[in-house]
Amino acid sequence: MFAVIETNGFQFVVTKGEKIKIPAILGEKGKELEFDKVMMVKDDSNTVVGRPFVHGARVKGIIRGCGRLPKVIVFKFIRKEKYRRKRGHHQDFCEVEITDIIK
């Protein structure tokens, strides 16, 4: 069984027991989350697709840790104009373990 959820503008395909990294700070370590924006649920026998979300479906998870992803360098350059801009960025993330998928 798997589900497609939407959170913070991103879509994730999740299964029970899977760990996903969501690029946002959602809370402290150990906090329980419930995602109600479920776009699709599929099990062995049938598939339910929402328009845009499946009514009554939820995905539960627990935050296992938060941190920052490795630095990404953003370099802008225009030749013949001496334009160079170099910036670095660390994206925050939360690692969430999916505990249950409810139809």
N, C-alpha and C. Protein backbone atom coordinates (compact mmCIF):
# COMPACT_ATOMS: atom_id res chain seq x y z
N MET A 1 0.84 -1.17 0.00
CA MET A 1 0.00 0.00 0.00
C MET A 1 0.89 1.24 0.00
N PHE A 2 0.55 2.20 -0.85
CA PHE A 2 1.26 3.46 -0.84
C PHE A 2 0.30 4.61 -1.05
N ALA A 3 0.77 5.83 -0.78
CA ALA A 3 -0.05 7.03 -0.93
C ALA A 3 0.82 8.15 -1.50
N VAL A 4 0.16 9.11 -2.12
CA VAL A 4 0.83 10.31 -2.61
C VAL A 4 0.30 11.46 -1.76
N ILE A 5 1.21 12.16 -1.05
CA ILE A 5 0.81 13.26 -0.19
C ILE A 5 1.41 14.56 -0.70
N GLU A 6 0.79 15.66 -0.29
CA GLU A 6 1.32 16.99 -0.60
C GLU A 6 1.57 17.72 0.71
N THR A 7 2.76 18.29 0.84
CA THR A 7 3.09 19.08 2.01
C THR A 7 4.13 20.12 1.62
N ASN A 8 3.91 21.35 2.05
CA ASN A 8 4.81 22.47 1.80
C ASN A 8 5.13 22.65 0.32
N GLY A 9 4.18 22.39 -0.56
CA GLY A 9 4.38 22.58 -1.99
C GLY A 9 5.10 21.44 -2.68
N PHE A 10 5.38 20.35 -1.98
CA PHE A 10 6.06 19.19 -2.54
C PHE A 10 5.14 17.99 -2.48
N GLN A 11 5.30 17.08 -3.42
CA GLN A 11 4.53 15.84 -3.43
C GLN A 11 5.48 14.67 -3.18
N PHE A 12 5.04 13.74 -2.33
CA PHE A 12 5.85 12.59 -1.97
C PHE A 12 5.03 11.32 -2.13
N VAL A 13 5.68 10.27 -2.65
CA VAL A 13 5.08 8.93 -2.68
C VAL A 13 5.62 8.22 -1.44
N VAL A 14 4.70 7.80 -0.55
CA VAL A 14 5.13 7.24 0.73
C VAL A 14 4.51 5.86 0.94
N THR A 15 5.23 5.03 1.68
CA THR A 15 4.73 3.74 2.14
C THR A 15 4.94 3.66 3.65
N LYS A 16 4.29 2.72 4.29
CA LYS A 16 4.42 2.58 5.73
C LYS A 16 5.84 2.15 6.09
N GLY A 17 6.44 2.83 7.07
CA GLY A 17 7.79 2.51 7.51
C GLY A 17 8.88 3.28 6.77
N GLU A 18 8.53 4.02 5.74
CA GLU A 18 9.52 4.76 4.94
C GLU A 18 9.89 6.07 5.63
N LYS A 19 11.13 6.52 5.44
CA LYS A 19 11.58 7.81 5.95
C LYS A 19 11.76 8.76 4.77
N ILE A 20 11.18 9.97 4.89
CA ILE A 20 11.30 10.98 3.84
C ILE A 20 11.88 12.25 4.43
N LYS A 21 12.58 13.02 3.60
CA LYS A 21 13.13 14.30 4.02
C LYS A 21 12.30 15.41 3.39
N ILE A 22 11.61 16.17 4.24
CA ILE A 22 10.77 17.27 3.78
C ILE A 22 11.55 18.56 3.98
N PRO A 23 11.75 19.36 2.92
CA PRO A 23 12.57 20.58 3.04
C PRO A 23 11.83 21.71 3.74
N ALA A 24 11.54 21.53 5.02
CA ALA A 24 10.91 22.54 5.85
C ALA A 24 11.02 22.09 7.30
N ILE A 25 10.94 23.03 8.23
CA ILE A 25 10.94 22.68 9.64
C ILE A 25 9.48 22.53 10.07
N LEU A 26 9.07 21.33 10.45
CA LEU A 26 7.69 21.04 10.80
C LEU A 26 7.46 20.93 12.30
N GLY A 27 8.51 20.84 13.09
CA GLY A 27 8.38 20.71 14.53
C GLY A 27 9.63 20.11 15.14
N GLU A 28 9.51 19.73 16.42
CA GLU A 28 10.64 19.16 17.13
C GLU A 28 10.69 17.65 16.95
N LYS A 29 11.83 17.09 17.31
CA LYS A 29 12.03 15.64 17.21
C LYS A 29 11.04 14.92 18.12
N GLY A 30 10.39 13.88 17.59
CA GLY A 30 9.44 13.09 18.36
C GLY A 30 7.99 13.53 18.19
N LYS A 31 7.76 14.66 17.55
CA LYS A 31 6.38 15.16 17.36
C LYS A 31 5.66 14.30 16.32
N GLU A 32 4.38 14.01 16.59
CA GLU A 32 3.58 13.25 15.65
C GLU A 32 2.90 14.20 14.67
N LEU A 33 2.91 13.84 13.38
CA LEU A 33 2.30 14.64 12.33
C LEU A 33 1.18 13.86 11.68
N GLU A 34 0.25 14.60 11.09
CA GLU A 34 -0.82 13.98 10.33
C GLU A 34 -1.00 14.79 9.04
N PHE A 35 -0.80 14.12 7.91
CA PHE A 35 -0.94 14.77 6.61
C PHE A 35 -2.35 14.45 6.09
N ASP A 36 -3.16 15.49 5.88
CA ASP A 36 -4.52 15.27 5.40
C ASP A 36 -4.67 15.57 3.91
N LYS A 37 -3.65 16.11 3.27
CA LYS A 37 -3.69 16.35 1.83
C LYS A 37 -3.14 15.12 1.10
N VAL A 38 -3.98 14.10 1.03
CA VAL A 38 -3.61 12.84 0.37
C VAL A 38 -4.22 12.87 -1.03
N MET A 39 -3.37 12.77 -2.05
CA MET A 39 -3.83 12.90 -3.43
C MET A 39 -4.22 11.55 -4.04
N MET A 40 -3.62 10.45 -3.54
CA MET A 40 -3.92 9.13 -4.08
C MET A 40 -3.57 8.07 -3.05
N VAL A 41 -4.37 7.01 -3.00
CA VAL A 41 -4.09 5.86 -2.15
C VAL A 41 -4.26 4.61 -3.00
N LYS A 42 -3.25 3.72 -2.95
CA LYS A 42 -3.32 2.48 -3.72
C LYS A 42 -2.94 1.33 -2.81
N ASP A 43 -3.82 0.31 -2.79
CA ASP A 43 -3.49 -0.93 -2.10
C ASP A 43 -3.54 -2.07 -3.11
N ASP A 44 -3.57 -3.30 -2.65
CA ASP A 44 -3.48 -4.45 -3.54
C ASP A 44 -4.63 -4.52 -4.55
N SER A 45 -5.84 -4.18 -4.10
CA SER A 45 -6.99 -4.42 -4.97
C SER A 45 -7.52 -3.18 -5.70
N ASN A 46 -7.43 -2.01 -5.08
CA ASN A 46 -8.02 -0.84 -5.74
C ASN A 46 -7.16 0.40 -5.57
N THR A 47 -7.49 1.40 -6.39
CA THR A 47 -6.80 2.69 -6.37
C THR A 47 -7.84 3.78 -6.21
N VAL A 48 -7.59 4.72 -5.29
CA VAL A 48 -8.48 5.85 -5.07
C VAL A 48 -7.70 7.12 -5.41
N VAL A 49 -8.19 7.87 -6.38
CA VAL A 49 -7.56 9.12 -6.81
C VAL A 49 -8.47 10.26 -6.40
N GLY A 50 -7.91 11.27 -5.74
CA GLY A 50 -8.69 12.41 -5.29
C GLY A 50 -8.80 13.49 -6.33
N ARG A 51 -9.78 14.38 -6.10
CA ARG A 51 -10.00 15.51 -7.01
C ARG A 51 -10.11 16.79 -6.20
N PRO A 52 -9.11 17.45 -5.71
CA PRO A 52 -7.70 17.08 -5.80
C PRO A 52 -7.23 16.15 -4.69
N PHE A 53 -8.01 16.03 -3.58
CA PHE A 53 -7.58 15.21 -2.46
C PHE A 53 -8.61 14.12 -2.18
N VAL A 54 -8.14 13.02 -1.58
CA VAL A 54 -9.03 11.91 -1.22
C VAL A 54 -9.72 12.27 0.09
N HIS A 55 -11.05 12.24 0.08
CA HIS A 55 -11.83 12.62 1.26
C HIS A 55 -11.67 11.57 2.36
N GLY A 56 -11.26 12.02 3.56
CA GLY A 56 -11.14 11.13 4.71
C GLY A 56 -9.82 10.39 4.83
N ALA A 57 -8.96 10.49 3.84
CA ALA A 57 -7.67 9.78 3.90
C ALA A 57 -6.65 10.61 4.68
N ARG A 58 -5.83 9.92 5.45
CA ARG A 58 -4.78 10.58 6.24
C ARG A 58 -3.53 9.72 6.25
N VAL A 59 -2.40 10.38 6.42
CA VAL A 59 -1.12 9.69 6.58
C VAL A 59 -0.50 10.22 7.86
N LYS A 60 -0.12 9.30 8.76
CA LYS A 60 0.47 9.69 10.03
C LYS A 60 1.97 9.42 10.02
N GLY A 61 2.72 10.27 10.72
CA GLY A 61 4.16 10.11 10.79
C GLY A 61 4.73 10.72 12.06
N ILE A 62 5.99 10.44 12.30
CA ILE A 62 6.72 10.96 13.47
C ILE A 62 8.00 11.60 12.96
N ILE A 63 8.32 12.79 13.50
CA ILE A 63 9.56 13.46 13.13
C ILE A 63 10.72 12.76 13.82
N ARG A 64 11.66 12.26 13.04
CA ARG A 64 12.82 11.54 13.58
C ARG A 64 14.04 12.44 13.73
N GLY A 65 14.04 13.59 13.07
CA GLY A 65 15.18 14.50 13.21
C GLY A 65 15.04 15.69 12.28
N CYS A 66 15.71 16.76 12.62
CA CYS A 66 15.73 17.96 11.79
C CYS A 66 17.18 18.39 11.61
N GLY A 67 17.45 19.10 10.55
CA GLY A 67 18.81 19.54 10.31
C GLY A 67 18.88 20.42 9.08
N ARG A 68 20.08 20.45 8.48
CA ARG A 68 20.30 21.25 7.29
C ARG A 68 20.99 20.39 6.24
N LEU A 69 20.53 20.53 5.01
CA LEU A 69 21.11 19.80 3.90
C LEU A 69 22.47 20.40 3.54
N PRO A 70 23.30 19.71 2.75
CA PRO A 70 24.59 20.26 2.34
C PRO A 70 24.43 21.56 1.55
N LYS A 71 25.46 22.37 1.58
CA LYS A 71 25.41 23.68 0.94
C LYS A 71 25.30 23.56 -0.57
N VAL A 72 24.43 24.39 -1.14
CA VAL A 72 24.27 24.49 -2.58
C VAL A 72 24.80 25.85 -3.00
N ILE A 73 25.69 25.86 -3.99
CA ILE A 73 26.27 27.11 -4.48
C ILE A 73 25.44 27.62 -5.65
N VAL A 74 25.02 28.88 -5.56
CA VAL A 74 24.29 29.54 -6.65
C VAL A 74 25.24 30.57 -7.23
N PHE A 75 25.64 30.39 -8.49
CA PHE A 75 26.60 31.29 -9.13
C PHE A 75 25.96 31.90 -10.37
N LYS A 76 25.85 33.23 -10.37
CA LYS A 76 25.29 33.94 -11.52
C LYS A 76 26.43 34.62 -12.24
N PHE A 77 26.39 34.61 -13.57
CA PHE A 77 27.50 35.11 -14.37
C PHE A 77 26.98 35.65 -15.69
N ILE A 78 27.40 36.85 -16.04
CA ILE A 78 27.13 37.42 -17.37
C ILE A 78 28.48 37.80 -17.96
N ARG A 79 28.82 37.17 -19.08
CA ARG A 79 30.12 37.43 -19.66
C ARG A 79 30.17 38.82 -20.28
N LYS A 80 31.35 39.36 -20.36
CA LYS A 80 31.67 40.67 -20.94
C LYS A 80 31.05 41.84 -20.16
N GLU A 81 30.50 41.57 -19.00
CA GLU A 81 29.92 42.66 -18.21
C GLU A 81 30.46 42.70 -16.78
N LYS A 82 31.40 41.84 -16.44
CA LYS A 82 31.98 41.75 -15.10
C LYS A 82 30.90 41.55 -14.03
N TYR A 83 29.93 40.71 -14.33
CA TYR A 83 28.85 40.43 -13.39
C TYR A 83 29.02 39.02 -12.87
N ARG A 84 29.33 38.92 -11.60
CA ARG A 84 29.49 37.62 -10.94
C ARG A 84 28.90 37.72 -9.54
N ARG A 85 28.01 36.80 -9.21
CA ARG A 85 27.43 36.74 -7.88
C ARG A 85 27.49 35.29 -7.40
N LYS A 86 28.10 35.08 -6.25
CA LYS A 86 28.22 33.74 -5.70
C LYS A 86 27.55 33.73 -4.33
N ARG A 87 26.56 32.86 -4.18
CA ARG A 87 25.83 32.74 -2.93
C ARG A 87 25.76 31.25 -2.55
N GLY A 88 25.75 31.00 -1.27
CA GLY A 88 25.59 29.65 -0.77
C GLY A 88 24.29 29.55 0.01
N HIS A 89 23.72 28.36 0.06
CA HIS A 89 22.44 28.18 0.73
C HIS A 89 22.37 26.78 1.34
N HIS A 90 21.99 26.71 2.62
CA HIS A 90 21.71 25.44 3.31
C HIS A 90 20.21 25.35 3.50
N GLN A 91 19.56 24.33 2.96
CA GLN A 91 18.11 24.16 3.12
C GLN A 91 17.83 23.39 4.39
N ASP A 92 16.90 23.89 5.21
CA ASP A 92 16.46 23.16 6.40
C ASP A 92 15.60 21.97 5.97
N PHE A 93 15.61 20.91 6.79
CA PHE A 93 14.77 19.75 6.48
C PHE A 93 14.34 19.06 7.76
N CYS A 94 13.27 18.29 7.65
CA CYS A 94 12.82 17.38 8.71
C CYS A 94 12.72 15.99 8.12
N GLU A 95 13.25 15.02 8.83
CA GLU A 95 13.12 13.63 8.41
C GLU A 95 11.91 13.02 9.13
N VAL A 96 10.94 12.55 8.35
CA VAL A 96 9.69 12.04 8.89
C VAL A 96 9.58 10.56 8.55
N GLU A 97 9.27 9.75 9.57
CA GLU A 97 9.02 8.33 9.36
C GLU A 97 7.50 8.12 9.30
N ILE A 98 7.03 7.51 8.23
CA ILE A 98 5.61 7.27 8.03
C ILE A 98 5.19 6.06 8.87
N THR A 99 4.20 6.24 9.73
CA THR A 99 3.78 5.16 10.63
C THR A 99 2.47 4.49 10.19
N ASP A 100 1.58 5.23 9.50
CA ASP A 100 0.29 4.65 9.16
C ASP A 100 -0.33 5.38 7.98
N ILE A 101 -1.04 4.64 7.14
CA ILE A 101 -1.81 5.20 6.03
C ILE A 101 -3.26 4.79 6.25
N ILE A 102 -4.13 5.78 6.40
CA ILE A 102 -5.54 5.53 6.71
C ILE A 102 -6.38 5.95 5.51
N LYS A 103 -7.24 5.01 5.00
CA LYS A 103 -8.09 5.33 3.86
C LYS A 103 -9.30 6.01 4.31
